[in-house]
Amino acid sequence: MKRFMSLLLLVPLLLFSCDKIEDANTIDFDTNMDMYIDVGVEGNTAVLVKSAADYTFSESGYASLYDNSDLWDYLDHIKSIEVDNLEIMFYGLESGAQINSITLSVSGVGDIVTLQNITSANSTQHPTISSSVLTQLANHLINNLEITATVSGTTDTGPMWFGINISYDLLVKVKAV
């Protein structure tokens, strides 16, 4: 009977210690994956909309976990990725120029967010993105380790140039090697 009681006490200890061993073999990285996209808006793309001219643009960029030196040794050992949020910064917008609408989409995922009325006064954006879209983005990163994003939209001025820096805040869990 004593042996049986001893075994009953050991079973939970063994079950919980397996989880602790697994946790000890996991390293968490809070990191970012950044993408920079140059956008050129040509002056001859104007389309009359309600007596105002809109100038269209569409440009793509690429980002990869291979570019993150923190993760180089662990890329073959990724257990999970969480995309916590995005920060989108616009550079080079001249005073008086406005991005009427801009949509960020990721190949293999779809539209991530649409922003409106971006000027030099509100050039840093922290958009609210649904958790399901962030999960789709994270799953895409786990499977591909890279993303191709496209920004498209309209401005009220053309020709013009501006840059966009998209910073994806990531929590990457890897198996310790």
Protein backbone atom coordinates (compact mmCIF):
# COMPACT_ATOMS: atom_id res chain seq x y z
CA MET A 1 0.00 0.00 0.00
CA LYS A 2 2.90 2.34 0.79
CA ARG A 3 4.38 1.70 -2.66
CA PHE A 4 1.05 2.43 -4.29
CA MET A 5 0.74 5.74 -2.41
CA SER A 6 4.34 6.61 -3.31
CA LEU A 7 3.61 5.95 -6.98
CA LEU A 8 0.50 8.10 -6.84
CA LEU A 9 2.56 10.97 -5.45
CA LEU A 10 5.28 10.56 -8.07
CA VAL A 11 2.98 10.58 -11.12
CA PRO A 12 1.96 14.27 -10.80
CA LEU A 13 5.54 15.24 -10.04
CA LEU A 14 6.75 13.53 -13.20
CA LEU A 15 4.00 15.07 -15.34
CA PHE A 16 4.69 18.60 -14.14
CA SER A 17 8.45 18.23 -14.38
CA CYS A 18 8.15 17.36 -18.10
CA ASP A 19 6.54 20.76 -18.70
CA LYS A 20 9.32 22.45 -16.76
CA ILE A 21 11.96 20.64 -18.79
CA GLU A 22 10.21 21.73 -22.00
CA ASP A 23 10.07 25.34 -20.75
CA ALA A 24 13.76 25.21 -19.84
CA ASN A 25 14.54 24.22 -23.44
CA THR A 26 12.66 27.24 -24.85
CA ILE A 27 14.18 30.66 -25.49
CA ASP A 28 11.92 33.69 -26.02
CA PHE A 29 12.99 36.54 -28.28
CA ASP A 30 11.14 39.85 -28.21
CA THR A 31 12.30 41.27 -31.50
CA ASN A 32 11.25 43.30 -34.52
CA MET A 33 11.19 42.59 -38.22
CA ASP A 34 11.47 45.83 -40.20
CA MET A 35 10.56 46.57 -43.79
CA TYR A 36 11.23 49.77 -45.70
CA ILE A 37 9.28 50.62 -48.84
CA ASP A 38 10.00 53.57 -51.13
CA VAL A 39 6.86 54.92 -52.76
CA GLY A 40 6.89 57.02 -55.89
CA VAL A 41 3.69 58.71 -56.98
CA GLU A 42 3.66 59.82 -60.59
CA GLY A 43 1.91 62.99 -61.63
CA ASN A 44 0.11 61.44 -64.58
CA THR A 45 -1.96 58.89 -62.61
CA ALA A 46 -4.62 61.40 -61.60
CA VAL A 47 -8.19 60.25 -61.71
CA LEU A 48 -10.96 62.77 -61.16
CA VAL A 49 -12.96 61.90 -58.07
CA LYS A 50 -15.60 64.38 -56.95
CA SER A 51 -13.73 67.24 -58.67
CA ALA A 52 -10.49 66.48 -56.80
CA ALA A 53 -7.48 64.71 -58.26
CA ASP A 54 -6.30 61.49 -56.62
CA TYR A 55 -2.90 60.06 -57.55
CA THR A 56 -2.51 56.29 -57.21
CA PHE A 57 0.47 54.23 -56.09
CA SER A 58 1.37 50.61 -55.44
CA GLU A 59 4.78 49.41 -54.22
CA SER A 60 6.06 46.23 -52.59
CA GLY A 61 8.69 45.36 -50.01
CA TYR A 62 10.25 42.28 -48.49
CA ALA A 63 11.27 41.33 -44.94
CA SER A 64 12.81 38.14 -43.62
CA LEU A 65 13.64 36.57 -40.29
CA TYR A 66 16.96 35.66 -41.95
CA ASP A 67 17.86 39.36 -41.61
CA ASN A 68 17.47 39.25 -37.81
CA SER A 69 20.88 38.45 -36.32
CA ASP A 70 19.30 37.47 -32.96
CA LEU A 71 17.60 34.53 -34.66
CA TRP A 72 20.29 33.26 -37.05
CA ASP A 73 21.22 30.26 -34.91
CA TYR A 74 17.59 29.33 -34.23
CA LEU A 75 15.75 29.61 -37.55
CA ASP A 76 15.51 25.81 -37.86
CA HIS A 77 14.21 25.53 -34.29
CA ILE A 78 11.28 27.96 -34.17
CA LYS A 79 8.41 26.67 -32.05
CA SER A 80 6.04 29.61 -32.35
CA ILE A 81 5.76 33.22 -33.45
CA GLU A 82 3.36 35.87 -32.20
CA VAL A 83 2.90 39.17 -34.00
CA ASP A 84 1.97 41.60 -31.24
CA ASN A 85 1.42 44.76 -33.29
CA LEU A 86 2.73 46.98 -36.06
CA GLU A 87 4.22 50.42 -36.12
CA ILE A 88 4.03 52.20 -39.45
CA MET A 89 6.13 55.33 -39.96
CA PHE A 90 5.88 57.59 -43.00
CA TYR A 91 8.93 59.63 -44.07
CA GLY A 92 9.36 62.46 -46.56
CA LEU A 93 5.80 63.74 -46.61
CA GLU A 94 5.95 67.41 -47.49
CA SER A 95 3.88 69.95 -45.64
CA GLY A 96 0.42 70.08 -47.19
CA ALA A 97 0.71 66.65 -48.86
CA GLN A 98 -1.68 63.92 -47.79
CA ILE A 99 -1.99 60.20 -48.30
CA ASN A 100 -5.74 59.93 -48.71
CA SER A 101 -5.83 56.16 -48.24
CA ILE A 102 -3.21 53.42 -47.96
CA THR A 103 -3.74 49.67 -47.62
CA LEU A 104 -1.06 47.30 -46.37
CA SER A 105 -1.47 43.75 -47.65
CA VAL A 106 0.79 40.72 -47.23
CA SER A 107 1.13 38.06 -49.90
CA GLY A 108 -0.46 34.83 -48.66
CA VAL A 109 -2.38 36.62 -45.89
CA GLY A 110 -4.40 39.44 -47.48
CA ASP A 111 -5.19 42.95 -46.33
CA ILE A 112 -3.71 43.80 -42.95
CA VAL A 113 -4.86 47.39 -42.43
CA THR A 114 -6.14 50.46 -44.27
CA LEU A 115 -5.18 53.92 -43.02
CA GLN A 116 -6.58 57.26 -44.12
CA ASN A 117 -5.60 60.93 -44.15
CA ILE A 118 -1.90 60.53 -43.35
CA THR A 119 0.11 63.78 -43.27
CA SER A 120 3.46 64.87 -41.88
CA ALA A 121 1.61 65.75 -38.65
CA ASN A 122 0.43 62.15 -38.00
CA SER A 123 3.23 60.23 -39.70
CA THR A 124 3.62 57.52 -37.03
CA GLN A 125 0.72 55.08 -36.85
CA HIS A 126 -0.06 52.24 -34.40
CA PRO A 127 -3.11 50.68 -36.05
CA THR A 128 -5.47 48.33 -34.26
CA ILE A 129 -5.36 45.01 -36.09
CA SER A 130 -7.63 42.08 -35.28
CA SER A 131 -6.05 39.16 -33.47
CA SER A 132 -7.15 36.77 -36.23
CA VAL A 133 -5.21 38.78 -38.84
CA LEU A 134 -2.14 38.90 -36.55
CA THR A 135 -2.42 35.12 -36.10
CA GLN A 136 -2.59 34.61 -39.90
CA LEU A 137 0.48 36.80 -40.28
CA ALA A 138 2.34 34.83 -37.58
CA ASN A 139 1.43 31.51 -39.20
CA HIS A 140 2.67 32.80 -42.55
CA LEU A 141 5.97 33.78 -40.90
CA ILE A 142 6.34 30.36 -39.25
CA ASN A 143 5.85 28.62 -42.59
CA ASN A 144 7.89 30.98 -44.78
CA LEU A 145 10.24 32.93 -42.46
CA GLU A 146 9.64 35.95 -44.72
CA ILE A 147 6.90 38.18 -46.04
CA THR A 148 6.24 40.28 -49.11
CA ALA A 149 4.03 43.27 -48.42
CA THR A 150 2.35 45.71 -50.78
CA VAL A 151 1.19 49.22 -49.99
CA SER A 152 -1.33 50.77 -52.36
CA GLY A 153 -3.54 53.77 -52.23
CA THR A 154 -4.03 57.38 -53.25
CA THR A 155 -2.53 60.77 -52.49
CA ASP A 156 -3.74 64.29 -53.12
CA THR A 157 -0.42 65.34 -54.69
CA GLY A 158 1.64 64.08 -57.56
CA PRO A 159 4.35 63.62 -58.39
CA MET A 160 5.75 62.94 -54.94
CA TRP A 161 7.94 60.49 -53.03
CA PHE A 162 7.66 59.14 -49.50
CA GLY A 163 9.04 56.22 -47.54
CA ILE A 164 7.33 53.79 -45.22
CA ASN A 165 8.98 51.84 -42.41
CA ILE A 166 6.85 48.95 -41.16
CA SER A 167 8.01 47.41 -37.89
CA TYR A 168 6.43 44.08 -36.93
CA ASP A 169 6.74 43.45 -33.16
CA LEU A 170 7.38 39.73 -32.69
CA LEU A 171 7.64 37.22 -29.87
CA VAL A 172 9.58 34.26 -31.25
CA LYS A 173 9.88 31.08 -29.19
CA VAL A 174 12.68 28.71 -30.21
CA LYS A 175 14.07 25.42 -29.01
CA ALA A 176 17.42 25.90 -27.29
CA VAL A 177 20.29 24.40 -29.28
